[in-house]
Every structure is written in C-alpha cells, then in structure tokens.
N, C-alpha and C. Protein backbone atom coordinates (compact mmCIF):
# COMPACT_ATOMS: atom_id res chain seq x y z
N UNK A 1 48.66 91.55 5.39
CA UNK A 1 47.66 91.05 4.51
C UNK A 1 48.40 89.94 3.47
N UNK A 2 47.74 88.77 3.31
CA UNK A 2 48.30 87.91 2.54
C UNK A 2 47.54 87.83 1.13
N UNK A 3 48.27 87.45 0.04
CA UNK A 3 47.78 87.32 -1.19
C UNK A 3 47.75 85.83 -1.76
N UNK A 4 46.88 85.48 -2.51
CA UNK A 4 46.83 84.10 -3.07
C UNK A 4 47.60 84.06 -4.37
N UNK A 5 48.68 83.22 -4.51
CA UNK A 5 49.62 83.34 -5.74
C UNK A 5 48.66 82.97 -6.90
N UNK A 6 47.71 81.99 -6.80
CA UNK A 6 46.91 81.60 -7.99
C UNK A 6 45.94 82.59 -8.50
N UNK A 7 45.15 83.33 -7.37
CA UNK A 7 44.33 84.51 -7.77
C UNK A 7 45.05 85.54 -8.44
N UNK A 8 46.27 85.77 -8.03
CA UNK A 8 46.94 87.02 -8.63
C UNK A 8 47.88 86.55 -9.75
N UNK A 9 47.92 85.44 -10.40
CA UNK A 9 48.47 85.01 -11.44
C UNK A 9 50.03 84.77 -11.28
N UNK A 10 50.51 84.63 -9.93
CA UNK A 10 51.91 84.46 -9.67
C UNK A 10 52.41 83.02 -9.81
N UNK A 11 51.46 82.22 -9.76
CA UNK A 11 51.68 80.74 -9.87
C UNK A 11 50.46 79.91 -10.27
N UNK A 12 50.86 78.82 -11.05
CA UNK A 12 49.79 78.01 -11.47
C UNK A 12 50.05 76.63 -10.75
N UNK A 13 48.95 75.99 -10.36
CA UNK A 13 48.91 74.79 -9.79
C UNK A 13 48.33 73.66 -10.81
N UNK A 14 49.10 72.63 -10.98
CA UNK A 14 48.63 71.68 -11.96
C UNK A 14 48.34 70.35 -11.06
N UNK A 15 47.27 69.83 -11.32
CA UNK A 15 46.72 68.69 -10.55
C UNK A 15 46.14 67.67 -11.59
N UNK A 16 46.30 66.37 -11.12
CA UNK A 16 45.75 65.18 -11.98
C UNK A 16 44.63 64.72 -11.23
N UNK A 17 43.65 64.34 -11.93
CA UNK A 17 42.38 63.88 -11.44
C UNK A 17 42.65 62.53 -10.67
N UNK A 18 42.16 62.36 -9.60
CA UNK A 18 42.43 61.05 -8.74
C UNK A 18 41.44 60.02 -9.23
N UNK A 19 40.42 60.42 -10.04
CA UNK A 19 39.44 59.60 -10.54
C UNK A 19 39.89 58.90 -11.75
N UNK A 20 40.21 59.77 -12.85
CA UNK A 20 40.59 59.34 -14.10
C UNK A 20 42.01 59.61 -14.55
N UNK A 21 42.71 60.36 -13.84
CA UNK A 21 44.11 60.67 -14.26
C UNK A 21 44.39 61.85 -15.24
N UNK A 22 43.38 62.47 -15.71
CA UNK A 22 43.54 63.62 -16.51
C UNK A 22 43.81 64.81 -15.92
N UNK A 23 44.39 65.74 -16.52
CA UNK A 23 44.69 67.21 -15.82
C UNK A 23 43.38 67.88 -15.62
N UNK A 24 43.50 68.34 -14.31
CA UNK A 24 42.31 69.09 -13.80
C UNK A 24 42.43 70.50 -14.22
N UNK A 25 41.41 71.40 -14.30
CA UNK A 25 41.40 72.63 -14.66
C UNK A 25 41.07 73.61 -13.37
N UNK A 26 41.76 74.65 -13.24
CA UNK A 26 41.48 75.39 -12.27
C UNK A 26 40.39 76.36 -12.58
N UNK A 27 39.27 76.41 -11.80
CA UNK A 27 37.99 77.09 -12.16
C UNK A 27 37.83 78.40 -11.33
N UNK A 28 38.70 78.74 -10.51
CA UNK A 28 38.47 79.96 -9.65
C UNK A 28 38.35 79.74 -8.14
N UNK A 29 38.21 80.79 -7.48
CA UNK A 29 37.92 80.73 -6.08
C UNK A 29 36.51 80.13 -5.93
N UNK A 30 36.66 79.32 -4.84
CA UNK A 30 35.26 78.68 -4.44
C UNK A 30 34.25 79.73 -4.15
N UNK A 31 34.65 80.83 -3.45
CA UNK A 31 33.51 81.89 -3.02
C UNK A 31 32.97 82.55 -4.28
N UNK A 32 33.54 82.56 -5.33
CA UNK A 32 32.96 83.11 -6.45
C UNK A 32 31.74 82.43 -7.02
N UNK A 33 31.58 81.17 -6.55
CA UNK A 33 30.44 80.44 -6.99
C UNK A 33 29.23 80.52 -6.18
N UNK A 34 29.20 81.32 -5.12
CA UNK A 34 28.08 81.24 -4.04
C UNK A 34 26.95 82.03 -4.59
N UNK A 35 27.16 83.14 -5.24
CA UNK A 35 25.86 83.90 -5.64
C UNK A 35 26.44 84.87 -6.66
N UNK A 36 25.57 85.77 -7.29
CA UNK A 36 26.12 86.78 -8.39
C UNK A 36 26.89 87.76 -7.76
N UNK A 37 26.93 88.08 -6.64
CA UNK A 37 27.72 89.27 -6.12
C UNK A 37 28.86 88.76 -5.41
N UNK A 38 29.05 87.52 -5.08
CA UNK A 38 30.19 87.03 -4.26
C UNK A 38 31.65 87.31 -4.96
N UNK A 39 31.75 87.34 -6.22
CA UNK A 39 33.10 87.69 -6.86
C UNK A 39 33.45 89.23 -6.55
N UNK A 40 32.51 90.00 -6.03
CA UNK A 40 32.83 91.46 -5.91
C UNK A 40 32.87 91.67 -4.41
N UNK A 41 32.70 90.82 -3.59
CA UNK A 41 32.76 91.00 -2.16
C UNK A 41 34.14 90.98 -1.45
N UNK A 42 34.42 91.64 -0.43
CA UNK A 42 35.72 91.49 0.11
C UNK A 42 36.11 89.95 0.51
N UNK A 43 37.32 89.63 -0.04
CA UNK A 43 37.82 88.32 0.18
C UNK A 43 37.76 87.81 1.57
N UNK A 44 38.42 88.75 2.45
CA UNK A 44 38.50 88.24 3.92
C UNK A 44 36.99 88.08 4.55
N UNK A 45 36.13 88.85 4.09
CA UNK A 45 34.82 88.92 4.58
C UNK A 45 34.17 87.40 4.07
N UNK A 46 34.36 87.13 2.87
CA UNK A 46 33.82 85.93 2.37
C UNK A 46 34.46 84.58 2.93
N UNK A 47 35.62 84.68 3.44
CA UNK A 47 36.29 83.61 4.14
C UNK A 47 35.63 83.36 5.35
N UNK A 48 35.09 84.20 5.99
CA UNK A 48 34.36 84.06 7.38
C UNK A 48 33.16 83.30 7.06
N UNK A 49 32.66 83.27 5.92
CA UNK A 49 31.26 82.62 5.51
C UNK A 49 31.51 81.42 4.64
N UNK A 50 32.73 81.00 4.24
CA UNK A 50 32.80 79.92 3.33
C UNK A 50 32.55 78.52 4.01
N UNK A 51 32.55 78.43 5.28
CA UNK A 51 32.27 77.04 5.92
C UNK A 51 33.52 76.24 6.21
N UNK A 52 34.51 76.74 5.77
CA UNK A 52 35.98 76.24 6.28
C UNK A 52 36.51 76.84 7.27
N UNK A 53 37.07 76.18 8.43
CA UNK A 53 37.49 76.76 9.59
C UNK A 53 38.96 77.27 9.38
N UNK A 54 39.67 76.71 8.47
CA UNK A 54 41.16 77.00 8.16
C UNK A 54 41.42 78.03 7.04
N UNK A 55 40.53 78.74 6.46
CA UNK A 55 40.76 79.51 5.36
C UNK A 55 41.27 80.92 5.99
N UNK A 56 40.56 81.51 6.90
CA UNK A 56 40.89 82.82 7.31
C UNK A 56 42.11 82.77 8.31
N UNK A 57 42.14 82.10 9.28
CA UNK A 57 43.17 81.89 10.17
C UNK A 57 44.41 81.34 9.59
N UNK A 58 44.16 80.32 8.71
CA UNK A 58 45.38 79.63 8.20
C UNK A 58 45.91 80.15 6.84
N UNK A 59 45.17 81.40 6.48
CA UNK A 59 45.76 82.03 5.22
C UNK A 59 45.64 81.07 4.07
N UNK A 60 44.69 80.46 3.72
CA UNK A 60 44.34 79.62 2.71
C UNK A 60 43.26 80.03 1.82
N UNK A 61 43.39 79.90 0.59
CA UNK A 61 42.47 80.31 -0.42
C UNK A 61 41.80 79.03 -1.06
N UNK A 62 40.40 78.89 -0.90
CA UNK A 62 39.75 77.70 -1.47
C UNK A 62 39.61 77.80 -2.93
N UNK A 63 40.20 76.84 -3.76
CA UNK A 63 39.91 77.07 -5.24
C UNK A 63 39.26 75.71 -5.80
N UNK A 64 38.36 75.88 -6.62
CA UNK A 64 37.71 74.75 -7.27
C UNK A 64 38.49 74.22 -8.49
N UNK A 65 38.76 73.06 -8.59
CA UNK A 65 39.55 72.33 -9.64
C UNK A 65 38.51 71.33 -10.29
N UNK A 66 38.42 71.32 -11.53
CA UNK A 66 37.28 70.38 -12.20
C UNK A 66 38.09 69.62 -13.31
N UNK A 67 37.70 68.51 -13.42
CA UNK A 67 38.28 67.52 -14.36
C UNK A 67 37.34 67.58 -15.72
N UNK A 68 37.82 68.07 -16.81
CA UNK A 68 36.97 68.12 -17.97
C UNK A 68 36.62 66.72 -18.66
N UNK A 69 37.31 65.69 -18.18
CA UNK A 69 36.95 64.36 -18.64
C UNK A 69 35.78 63.59 -17.95
N UNK A 70 35.97 63.58 -16.58
CA UNK A 70 34.86 62.95 -15.82
C UNK A 70 34.23 63.83 -15.00
N UNK A 71 34.40 65.01 -14.94
CA UNK A 71 33.70 66.12 -14.20
C UNK A 71 33.68 65.97 -12.63
N UNK A 72 34.66 65.44 -12.25
CA UNK A 72 34.90 65.38 -10.89
C UNK A 72 35.35 66.94 -10.40
N UNK A 73 34.83 67.33 -9.29
CA UNK A 73 35.15 68.49 -8.55
C UNK A 73 36.06 68.34 -7.43
N UNK A 74 37.02 69.11 -7.26
CA UNK A 74 37.79 69.03 -5.99
C UNK A 74 38.27 70.41 -5.50
N UNK A 75 38.01 70.64 -4.18
CA UNK A 75 38.47 71.85 -3.46
C UNK A 75 39.83 71.79 -3.09
N UNK A 76 40.70 72.65 -3.41
CA UNK A 76 42.22 72.68 -3.20
C UNK A 76 42.55 74.02 -2.46
N UNK A 77 43.15 73.93 -1.22
CA UNK A 77 43.42 75.12 -0.34
C UNK A 77 44.78 75.52 -0.95
N UNK A 78 44.91 76.70 -1.34
CA UNK A 78 46.16 77.30 -1.77
C UNK A 78 46.75 78.20 -0.63
N UNK A 79 47.97 77.97 -0.32
CA UNK A 79 48.65 78.77 0.88
C UNK A 79 48.87 80.16 0.32
N UNK A 80 48.45 81.17 1.02
CA UNK A 80 48.60 82.55 0.63
C UNK A 80 50.04 83.06 1.20
C-alpha cells in the first residue's frame, strides 16, 4: 500500500500559477470534492471512479491546487 506524502503531511508542494505567477494553494484531494460522502470513502475505491487512468495503477494522488489571485484551478498528481 502506498501513501500520499501531501495527504499525510510528510511533504508540501509549492506551485506558482501559470496564469498570473502567484503562489497556488493546495486545496486537498480531488476526490474529496465529488460529493458529501467522498472524503469518508476508501481512497483506492475512489481512485477507480476518479476518471483518471493513471491514479490507481500508477500510484498517484490527484490534488486540487487553486490560485487565490486569478482563481485558476489545476489538478496535480502527487507520486505516492
């Protein structure tokens, strides 16, 4: 079993917005935004339903990063 270093607080990823150059904020796992119950579901099960072919087999965790200045959203895949 692999763990995501960002989800588990082992590492922080800092990104600059490609649109305006401001620092982006990590907003959590993408799967947590699907519905009210998704944050409580099994992570590996949610990866089967996330629509990305490389998350489960490639051991990658999709995170949402958001720019507070221009509101651009970006999905970043974190290696587990």
